[in-house]
């Protein structure tokens, strides 16, 4: 019984680790895509540029706070 509890906890932690890794991967991809748009020269609207800059900044700040 103790083994099953420990094994269940391990599986829960593995699932959480995978979820967090997937989240970090998605955030990194979002940053990469947004930075590519920012520096590509294709965005001409100042407001749109500002929105992308703020989004990248917010994601990076959130990642830094979470230690990733």
N, C-alpha and C. Protein backbone atom coordinates (compact mmCIF):
# COMPACT_ATOMS: atom_id res chain seq x y z
N UNK A 1 0.82 -1.20 0.00
CA UNK A 1 0.00 0.00 0.00
C UNK A 1 0.87 1.26 0.00
N UNK A 2 1.91 1.26 0.82
CA UNK A 2 2.80 2.42 0.86
C UNK A 2 3.45 2.64 -0.50
N UNK A 3 3.87 1.54 -1.13
CA UNK A 3 4.46 1.64 -2.46
C UNK A 3 3.49 2.31 -3.43
N UNK A 4 2.23 1.91 -3.40
CA UNK A 4 1.23 2.48 -4.31
C UNK A 4 1.05 3.97 -4.07
N UNK A 5 1.06 4.39 -2.80
CA UNK A 5 0.93 5.82 -2.50
C UNK A 5 2.14 6.59 -3.02
N UNK A 6 3.33 6.05 -2.76
CA UNK A 6 4.55 6.71 -3.21
C UNK A 6 4.59 6.74 -4.74
N UNK A 7 4.23 5.64 -5.36
CA UNK A 7 4.21 5.58 -6.81
C UNK A 7 3.19 6.56 -7.39
N UNK A 8 2.04 6.66 -6.75
CA UNK A 8 1.03 7.61 -7.20
C UNK A 8 1.51 9.04 -7.08
N UNK A 9 2.19 9.36 -5.98
CA UNK A 9 2.73 10.70 -5.79
C UNK A 9 3.79 11.00 -6.84
N UNK A 10 4.64 10.01 -7.10
CA UNK A 10 5.67 10.15 -8.13
C UNK A 10 5.02 10.46 -9.49
N UNK A 11 4.00 9.71 -9.83
CA UNK A 11 3.31 9.93 -11.11
C UNK A 11 2.68 11.31 -11.16
N UNK A 12 2.12 11.77 -10.04
CA UNK A 12 1.55 13.12 -9.99
C UNK A 12 2.63 14.17 -10.23
N UNK A 13 3.78 13.98 -9.58
CA UNK A 13 4.88 14.93 -9.74
C UNK A 13 5.43 14.92 -11.16
N UNK A 14 5.52 13.75 -11.75
CA UNK A 14 5.98 13.65 -13.14
C UNK A 14 5.02 14.36 -14.09
N UNK A 15 3.73 14.21 -13.85
CA UNK A 15 2.73 14.89 -14.68
C UNK A 15 2.86 16.40 -14.54
N UNK A 16 3.06 16.86 -13.32
CA UNK A 16 3.22 18.30 -13.08
C UNK A 16 4.50 18.82 -13.73
N UNK A 17 5.58 18.06 -13.62
CA UNK A 17 6.84 18.46 -14.26
C UNK A 17 6.66 18.59 -15.77
N UNK A 18 6.00 17.62 -16.36
CA UNK A 18 5.77 17.65 -17.81
C UNK A 18 4.91 18.86 -18.19
N UNK A 19 3.88 19.12 -17.40
CA UNK A 19 3.01 20.27 -17.67
C UNK A 19 3.81 21.57 -17.61
N UNK A 20 4.67 21.70 -16.59
CA UNK A 20 5.47 22.90 -16.45
C UNK A 20 6.48 23.04 -17.58
N UNK A 21 7.10 21.94 -17.98
CA UNK A 21 8.03 21.99 -19.11
C UNK A 21 7.31 22.40 -20.39
N UNK A 22 6.12 21.90 -20.60
CA UNK A 22 5.34 22.28 -21.78
C UNK A 22 5.00 23.76 -21.75
N UNK A 23 4.66 24.27 -20.57
CA UNK A 23 4.33 25.69 -20.42
C UNK A 23 5.54 26.55 -20.74
N UNK A 24 6.70 26.18 -20.22
CA UNK A 24 7.93 26.92 -20.50
C UNK A 24 8.24 26.88 -21.99
N UNK A 25 8.09 25.73 -22.60
CA UNK A 25 8.34 25.60 -24.03
C UNK A 25 7.41 26.51 -24.84
N UNK A 26 6.14 26.55 -24.46
CA UNK A 26 5.19 27.42 -25.16
C UNK A 26 5.55 28.89 -24.97
N UNK A 27 5.97 29.26 -23.76
CA UNK A 27 6.37 30.64 -23.50
C UNK A 27 7.60 31.01 -24.33
N UNK A 28 8.57 30.12 -24.39
CA UNK A 28 9.77 30.38 -25.18
C UNK A 28 9.43 30.54 -26.66
N UNK A 29 8.54 29.71 -27.15
CA UNK A 29 8.12 29.80 -28.56
C UNK A 29 7.39 31.12 -28.81
N UNK A 30 6.54 31.52 -27.88
CA UNK A 30 5.80 32.79 -28.01
C UNK A 30 6.77 33.96 -28.04
N UNK A 31 7.76 33.95 -27.15
CA UNK A 31 8.76 35.01 -27.13
C UNK A 31 9.51 35.06 -28.45
N UNK A 32 9.94 33.91 -28.92
CA UNK A 32 10.68 33.83 -30.18
C UNK A 32 9.85 34.38 -31.34
N UNK A 33 8.60 33.97 -31.44
CA UNK A 33 7.73 34.44 -32.52
C UNK A 33 7.49 35.94 -32.43
N UNK A 34 7.22 36.42 -31.21
CA UNK A 34 6.96 37.85 -31.04
C UNK A 34 8.20 38.68 -31.34
N UNK A 35 9.37 38.21 -30.90
CA UNK A 35 10.59 38.95 -31.18
C UNK A 35 10.91 38.94 -32.67
N UNK A 36 10.63 37.84 -33.34
CA UNK A 36 10.81 37.81 -34.80
C UNK A 36 9.93 38.85 -35.47
N UNK A 37 8.69 38.97 -35.02
CA UNK A 37 7.79 39.97 -35.57
C UNK A 37 8.29 41.38 -35.28
N UNK A 38 8.77 41.59 -34.05
CA UNK A 38 9.25 42.91 -33.65
C UNK A 38 10.42 43.38 -34.52
N UNK A 39 11.32 42.47 -34.83
CA UNK A 39 12.55 42.86 -35.52
C UNK A 39 12.51 42.61 -37.02
N UNK A 40 11.38 42.12 -37.53
CA UNK A 40 11.29 41.81 -38.96
C UNK A 40 11.05 43.05 -39.81
N UNK A 41 10.53 44.09 -39.20
CA UNK A 41 10.23 45.30 -39.96
C UNK A 41 8.88 45.26 -40.65
N UNK A 42 8.11 44.21 -40.43
CA UNK A 42 6.82 44.09 -41.11
C UNK A 42 5.70 44.78 -40.35
N UNK A 43 5.91 45.07 -39.08
CA UNK A 43 4.88 45.74 -38.28
C UNK A 43 5.15 47.24 -38.35
N UNK A 44 4.15 47.97 -38.82
CA UNK A 44 4.33 49.42 -38.98
C UNK A 44 3.53 50.22 -37.96
N UNK A 45 2.61 49.59 -37.30
CA UNK A 45 1.79 50.27 -36.30
C UNK A 45 2.55 50.37 -34.98
N UNK A 46 2.70 51.60 -34.49
CA UNK A 46 3.40 51.81 -33.22
C UNK A 46 2.69 51.09 -32.08
N UNK A 47 1.37 51.12 -32.11
CA UNK A 47 0.60 50.46 -31.05
C UNK A 47 0.81 48.95 -31.08
N UNK A 48 0.83 48.37 -32.26
CA UNK A 48 1.05 46.93 -32.38
C UNK A 48 2.45 46.56 -31.90
N UNK A 49 3.45 47.37 -32.26
CA UNK A 49 4.81 47.13 -31.79
C UNK A 49 4.87 47.18 -30.27
N UNK A 50 4.21 48.18 -29.71
CA UNK A 50 4.19 48.33 -28.25
C UNK A 50 3.53 47.11 -27.59
N UNK A 51 2.44 46.64 -28.19
CA UNK A 51 1.75 45.47 -27.64
C UNK A 51 2.66 44.23 -27.63
N UNK A 52 3.38 44.00 -28.73
CA UNK A 52 4.29 42.86 -28.79
C UNK A 52 5.42 43.02 -27.77
N UNK A 53 5.96 44.23 -27.67
CA UNK A 53 7.03 44.47 -26.69
C UNK A 53 6.55 44.19 -25.28
N UNK A 54 5.37 44.67 -24.96
CA UNK A 54 4.82 44.45 -23.62
C UNK A 54 4.56 42.97 -23.35
N UNK A 55 4.07 42.27 -24.36
CA UNK A 55 3.79 40.85 -24.19
C UNK A 55 5.08 40.06 -23.92
N UNK A 56 6.12 40.35 -24.68
CA UNK A 56 7.41 39.68 -24.47
C UNK A 56 7.95 40.02 -23.08
N UNK A 57 7.87 41.28 -22.72
CA UNK A 57 8.35 41.71 -21.40
C UNK A 57 7.60 40.99 -20.29
N UNK A 58 6.28 40.91 -20.42
CA UNK A 58 5.47 40.25 -19.39
C UNK A 58 5.80 38.76 -19.26
N UNK A 59 5.98 38.08 -20.37
CA UNK A 59 6.32 36.66 -20.33
C UNK A 59 7.68 36.46 -19.68
N UNK A 60 8.66 37.29 -20.08
CA UNK A 60 10.00 37.16 -19.50
C UNK A 60 9.99 37.46 -18.01
N UNK A 61 9.23 38.46 -17.59
CA UNK A 61 9.12 38.79 -16.17
C UNK A 61 8.50 37.64 -15.40
N UNK A 62 7.44 37.08 -15.95
CA UNK A 62 6.77 35.95 -15.30
C UNK A 62 7.71 34.75 -15.18
N UNK A 63 8.46 34.47 -16.25
CA UNK A 63 9.40 33.36 -16.22
C UNK A 63 10.49 33.60 -15.18
N UNK A 64 10.98 34.84 -15.09
CA UNK A 64 12.03 35.16 -14.13
C UNK A 64 11.54 34.97 -12.70
N UNK A 65 10.32 35.43 -12.44
CA UNK A 65 9.74 35.28 -11.09
C UNK A 65 9.57 33.82 -10.71
N UNK A 66 9.27 33.00 -11.69
CA UNK A 66 9.05 31.58 -11.43
C UNK A 66 10.34 30.77 -11.49
N UNK A 67 11.45 31.44 -11.74
CA UNK A 67 12.74 30.76 -11.75
C UNK A 67 12.99 29.86 -12.93
N UNK A 68 12.44 30.23 -14.09
CA UNK A 68 12.62 29.40 -15.28
C UNK A 68 13.40 30.18 -16.28
